[in-house]
Amino acid sequence: MAIKITFLGTGTSQGVPLIGCHCEVCRSSNYKDKRLRSSVLIESEQTRVVIDTGPDFRQQMLREKTGKLDAVVFTHEHKDHIAGLDEVRAFNYIQKKSMPVYATERVQKALKREFAYVFSDEKYPGIPEIDLYDFDNDPFYIGDICLEPINVMHFRLPVKGFKVKDFAYITDANFIPEAEKKKLMGLNVLVLNALRRETHVSHFTFEEAIALVKELKPRKAYFTHISHQLGLHDQLNAELPANIEVASDGLQLIL
């Protein structure tokens, strides 16, 4: 079964360019330096799943001309990963059914707090229709796509990465336990966050991400959750080993 991965967004929480910033990255005319908030679309012939619905979710769905979506899966509860959930209303209307949303118990609590009107006993007309599904550490299926959760840490916040066949997506992390690393060894494709060059309290740096790729030995690796502080897209790729690239918005992989 072939799987298609689309990088819906590859930027950090503020996106690139930043509001009011005039650095060379934010002023770049290269479309690969324009980064919406991080998210991916995973597709088989039968199933479409989005991991995270950030503030740019509507724009991302329009850009990719996505008229069908089978589920949303959340990595964690930070606003740059959940803020666009309201936009599933469009799929409710098109598909005439509720949207399955997969989240850990902790993330579900955050969703109910941030989107209280969605879960209220008194339903206002036109609000999103959502069915919550819990997951933790066990693999689970959405249609014909099997997602295996990967436990990582975002400073002190637990975050879920996901492995689908021999592809893995890890965003918002600065620590991966040894037991979880074993699940990531020798993959076909590994996606990691690489925020900037300077040390950060909750994200891998550029050098840390490179070192982790060398340790885990995937055939190919892509970096995401990129800050404007990291540098220009083309210059970054010129620095990297042949098996590592900085991803860009709209990049598609067929696995």
Protein backbone atom coordinates (compact mmCIF):
# COMPACT_ATOMS: atom_id res chain seq x y z
CA MET A 1 0.00 0.00 0.00
CA ALA A 2 1.47 3.31 -1.10
CA ILE A 3 1.37 6.24 1.31
CA LYS A 4 1.57 9.91 0.30
CA ILE A 5 2.85 12.49 2.78
CA THR A 6 2.20 16.20 2.19
CA PHE A 7 3.90 18.79 4.36
CA LEU A 8 1.03 21.21 4.98
CA GLY A 9 3.27 23.51 7.01
CA THR A 10 6.89 23.46 8.15
CA GLY A 11 7.12 26.59 10.29
CA THR A 12 7.38 27.22 13.99
CA SER A 13 4.60 28.63 16.18
CA GLN A 14 4.76 32.12 14.64
CA GLY A 15 5.22 30.95 11.07
CA VAL A 16 7.65 32.46 8.57
CA PRO A 17 7.73 35.36 7.81
CA LEU A 18 7.09 36.75 11.27
CA ILE A 19 4.87 39.78 11.69
CA GLY A 20 7.02 42.91 11.68
CA CYS A 21 10.32 41.14 10.99
CA HIS A 22 12.67 42.37 8.26
CA CYS A 23 15.43 39.75 8.42
CA GLU A 24 16.66 38.21 5.15
CA VAL A 25 14.59 35.06 5.70
CA CYS A 26 11.36 36.97 6.32
CA ARG A 27 12.08 39.17 3.28
CA SER A 28 13.01 36.24 1.04
CA SER A 29 11.20 35.89 -2.29
CA ASN A 30 11.78 32.13 -2.33
CA TYR A 31 8.47 30.36 -1.72
CA LYS A 32 10.35 27.70 0.23
CA ASP A 33 11.09 30.32 2.90
CA LYS A 34 7.36 30.87 3.46
CA ARG A 35 6.32 28.50 6.24
CA LEU A 36 2.84 27.92 7.66
CA ARG A 37 2.45 26.22 11.03
CA SER A 38 3.62 22.59 11.12
CA SER A 39 1.25 19.85 10.00
CA VAL A 40 1.20 16.87 7.63
CA LEU A 41 -1.43 15.12 5.55
CA ILE A 42 -1.09 11.33 5.31
CA GLU A 43 -2.97 9.60 2.48
CA SER A 44 -3.56 6.09 1.23
CA GLU A 45 -5.82 5.32 -1.72
CA GLN A 46 -8.75 5.10 0.71
CA THR A 47 -7.92 7.29 3.72
CA ARG A 48 -6.81 10.85 4.49
CA VAL A 49 -5.55 11.85 7.92
CA VAL A 50 -4.23 15.21 9.10
CA ILE A 51 -1.77 15.40 11.97
CA ASP A 52 -2.45 18.70 13.80
CA THR A 53 -4.74 21.57 12.78
CA GLY A 54 -2.83 24.77 13.43
CA PRO A 55 -3.99 28.35 12.80
CA ASP A 56 -3.32 27.89 9.06
CA PHE A 57 -5.42 24.73 8.65
CA ARG A 58 -8.05 26.36 6.42
CA GLN A 59 -5.39 27.86 4.14
CA GLN A 60 -3.57 24.53 3.96
CA MET A 61 -6.70 22.60 3.01
CA LEU A 62 -7.53 25.14 0.31
CA ARG A 63 -4.00 25.07 -1.09
CA GLU A 64 -4.04 21.27 -1.35
CA LYS A 65 -7.62 21.22 -2.66
CA THR A 66 -8.55 18.73 0.05
CA GLY A 67 -12.26 17.94 -0.24
CA LYS A 68 -12.26 14.79 1.88
CA LEU A 69 -10.78 14.14 5.32
CA ASP A 70 -11.26 11.01 7.40
CA ALA A 71 -9.75 12.09 10.72
CA VAL A 72 -7.63 14.56 12.66
CA VAL A 73 -4.87 13.35 15.00
CA PHE A 74 -3.19 15.60 17.55
CA THR A 75 0.41 15.48 18.75
CA HIS A 76 -0.20 17.84 21.70
CA GLU A 77 -2.30 20.76 22.84
CA HIS A 78 -0.27 23.88 22.01
CA LYS A 79 -2.24 26.47 20.06
CA ASP A 80 -0.04 26.29 16.95
CA HIS A 81 -1.18 22.66 16.65
CA ILE A 82 -4.89 22.83 17.57
CA ALA A 83 -6.13 26.36 16.79
CA GLY A 84 -7.66 25.49 13.41
CA LEU A 85 -9.93 22.73 14.66
CA ASP A 86 -13.04 24.85 14.11
CA GLU A 87 -12.46 24.58 10.36
CA VAL A 88 -13.52 20.93 10.29
CA ARG A 89 -17.02 22.40 9.95
CA ALA A 90 -16.43 22.47 6.20
CA PHE A 91 -15.83 18.72 6.14
CA ASN A 92 -18.89 18.15 8.35
CA TYR A 93 -20.97 19.90 5.68
CA ILE A 94 -19.33 18.19 2.69
CA GLN A 95 -19.23 14.69 4.18
CA LYS A 96 -22.50 14.92 6.13
CA LYS A 97 -20.97 13.41 9.29
CA SER A 98 -18.93 14.21 12.38
CA MET A 99 -15.14 14.41 12.21
CA PRO A 100 -13.25 11.74 14.16
CA VAL A 101 -10.57 13.43 16.29
CA TYR A 102 -7.88 11.31 17.95
CA ALA A 103 -6.17 12.76 21.02
CA THR A 104 -4.73 11.64 24.33
CA GLU A 105 -6.77 12.19 27.47
CA ARG A 106 -4.72 15.24 28.39
CA VAL A 107 -5.13 16.80 24.94
CA GLN A 108 -8.87 16.10 24.99
CA LYS A 109 -9.17 18.11 28.20
CA ALA A 110 -7.41 21.01 26.49
CA LEU A 111 -9.69 20.77 23.45
CA LYS A 112 -12.76 20.89 25.67
CA ARG A 113 -11.37 23.95 27.41
CA GLU A 114 -10.25 25.80 24.26
CA PHE A 115 -13.32 24.88 22.20
CA ALA A 116 -15.93 24.76 24.96
CA TYR A 117 -18.72 25.74 22.57
CA VAL A 118 -18.10 22.58 20.51
CA PHE A 119 -18.65 20.33 23.53
CA SER A 120 -21.43 22.29 25.22
CA ASP A 121 -24.70 20.53 26.00
CA GLU A 122 -26.47 23.37 24.20
CA LYS A 123 -25.32 23.15 20.58
CA TYR A 124 -25.23 26.41 18.65
CA PRO A 125 -26.16 25.92 14.96
CA GLY A 126 -23.17 25.52 12.66
CA ILE A 127 -20.53 24.57 15.23
CA PRO A 128 -18.08 21.76 14.38
CA GLU A 129 -19.34 18.22 14.86
CA ILE A 130 -16.58 16.17 16.46
CA ASP A 131 -16.28 12.61 17.77
CA LEU A 132 -13.37 12.23 20.19
CA TYR A 133 -11.31 9.04 20.26
CA ASP A 134 -8.70 8.31 22.88
CA PHE A 135 -5.30 6.76 22.26
CA ASP A 136 -2.13 6.39 24.28
CA ASN A 137 0.71 4.02 23.40
CA ASP A 138 -0.88 1.28 21.33
CA PRO A 139 -0.99 1.41 17.51
CA PHE A 140 -4.41 2.25 16.08
CA TYR A 141 -6.03 2.22 12.67
CA ILE A 142 -7.80 5.02 10.85
CA GLY A 143 -9.23 3.34 7.78
CA ASP A 144 -6.34 1.38 6.29
CA ILE A 145 -3.64 3.58 7.86
CA CYS A 146 -1.99 2.25 11.02
CA LEU A 147 -0.45 4.89 13.30
CA GLU A 148 2.03 3.85 16.00
CA PRO A 149 2.44 6.52 18.71
CA ILE A 150 6.00 7.57 19.60
CA ASN A 151 6.55 9.21 23.00
CA VAL A 152 8.79 12.28 23.02
CA MET A 153 9.27 15.23 25.34
CA HIS A 154 8.80 18.93 24.55
CA PHE A 155 10.69 20.22 27.61
CA ARG A 156 8.31 18.94 30.35
CA LEU A 157 5.32 18.35 28.07
CA PRO A 158 4.67 14.85 26.69
CA VAL A 159 4.13 14.92 22.93
CA LYS A 160 3.16 12.16 20.53
CA GLY A 161 5.05 11.48 17.36
CA PHE A 162 3.72 8.93 14.89
CA LYS A 163 5.13 6.07 12.85
CA VAL A 164 3.31 4.89 9.74
CA LYS A 165 4.96 1.88 8.12
CA ASP A 166 8.61 2.96 7.72
CA PHE A 167 7.88 6.71 7.98
CA ALA A 168 7.93 8.68 11.27
CA TYR A 169 6.91 12.24 12.12
CA ILE A 170 8.37 13.89 15.22
CA THR A 171 7.55 17.52 15.91
CA ASP A 172 7.97 19.69 19.02
CA ALA A 173 10.58 17.60 20.80
CA ASN A 174 13.96 18.00 22.44
CA PHE A 175 14.22 14.53 23.99
CA ILE A 176 13.40 11.01 22.80
CA PRO A 177 13.73 8.15 25.30
CA GLU A 178 15.99 5.25 24.33
CA ALA A 179 13.06 2.81 24.16
CA GLU A 180 11.30 5.08 21.63
CA LYS A 181 14.48 5.57 19.60
CA LYS A 182 14.54 1.83 18.96
CA LYS A 183 11.22 2.20 17.13
CA LEU A 184 12.81 4.84 14.89
CA MET A 185 15.98 3.03 13.87
CA GLY A 186 16.67 2.52 10.17
CA LEU A 187 13.45 4.04 8.81
CA ASN A 188 12.88 4.89 5.18
CA VAL A 189 11.92 8.47 6.10
CA LEU A 190 12.25 10.32 9.40
CA VAL A 191 10.86 13.83 9.98
CA LEU A 192 12.30 15.82 12.89
CA ASN A 193 11.88 19.33 14.25
CA ALA A 194 14.96 21.55 13.94
CA LEU A 195 14.03 24.97 15.25
CA ARG A 196 17.19 27.07 15.08
CA ARG A 197 20.96 26.93 15.66
CA GLU A 198 20.92 28.30 19.21
CA THR A 199 20.01 26.08 22.16
CA HIS A 200 16.29 26.00 22.91
CA VAL A 201 14.48 24.77 26.01
CA SER A 202 11.98 22.58 24.16
CA HIS A 203 13.11 21.96 20.58
CA PHE A 204 15.99 20.21 18.88
CA THR A 205 18.50 22.58 17.38
CA PHE A 206 19.82 22.19 13.84
CA GLU A 207 22.97 20.42 15.08
CA GLU A 208 21.05 18.24 17.55
CA ALA A 209 18.68 17.12 14.79
CA ILE A 210 21.60 16.29 12.49
CA ALA A 211 23.24 14.26 15.27
CA LEU A 212 20.00 12.39 15.92
CA VAL A 213 19.64 11.51 12.24
CA LYS A 214 23.18 10.11 12.27
CA GLU A 215 22.26 8.04 15.33
CA LEU A 216 18.95 6.71 13.99
CA LYS A 217 20.25 6.11 10.46
CA PRO A 218 17.14 6.61 8.29
CA ARG A 219 17.52 6.37 4.54
CA LYS A 220 16.24 9.95 4.31
CA ALA A 221 15.43 12.66 6.85
CA TYR A 222 13.52 15.93 6.60
CA PHE A 223 13.55 18.81 9.08
CA THR A 224 10.40 20.74 9.99
CA HIS A 225 9.11 23.25 12.57
CA ILE A 226 11.66 25.74 11.23
CA SER A 227 12.20 29.23 12.65
CA HIS A 228 13.27 32.25 10.64
CA GLN A 229 16.33 32.24 12.90
CA LEU A 230 17.63 29.08 11.26
CA GLY A 231 18.37 30.66 7.88
CA LEU A 232 17.49 30.56 4.21
CA HIS A 233 16.10 27.30 2.88
CA ASP A 234 18.55 26.81 0.00
CA GLN A 235 21.58 27.70 2.10
CA LEU A 236 20.52 25.26 4.82
CA ASN A 237 20.17 22.39 2.35
CA ALA A 238 23.60 23.17 0.96
CA GLU A 239 25.03 22.59 4.46
CA LEU A 240 23.33 19.26 5.07
CA PRO A 241 24.48 15.72 4.30
CA ALA A 242 22.99 14.17 1.17
CA ASN A 243 20.39 12.17 3.11
CA ILE A 244 18.96 15.18 5.01
CA GLU A 245 16.84 18.04 3.67
CA VAL A 246 14.93 20.93 5.17
CA ALA A 247 11.30 20.34 4.18
CA SER A 248 9.17 23.05 2.60
CA ASP A 249 5.44 23.71 2.56
CA GLY A 250 3.70 21.61 -0.07
CA LEU A 251 6.50 19.05 -0.37
CA GLN A 252 5.08 15.61 -1.16
CA LEU A 253 6.61 12.18 -0.58
CA ILE A 254 5.39 8.88 -2.00
CA LEU A 255 6.37 5.95 0.22
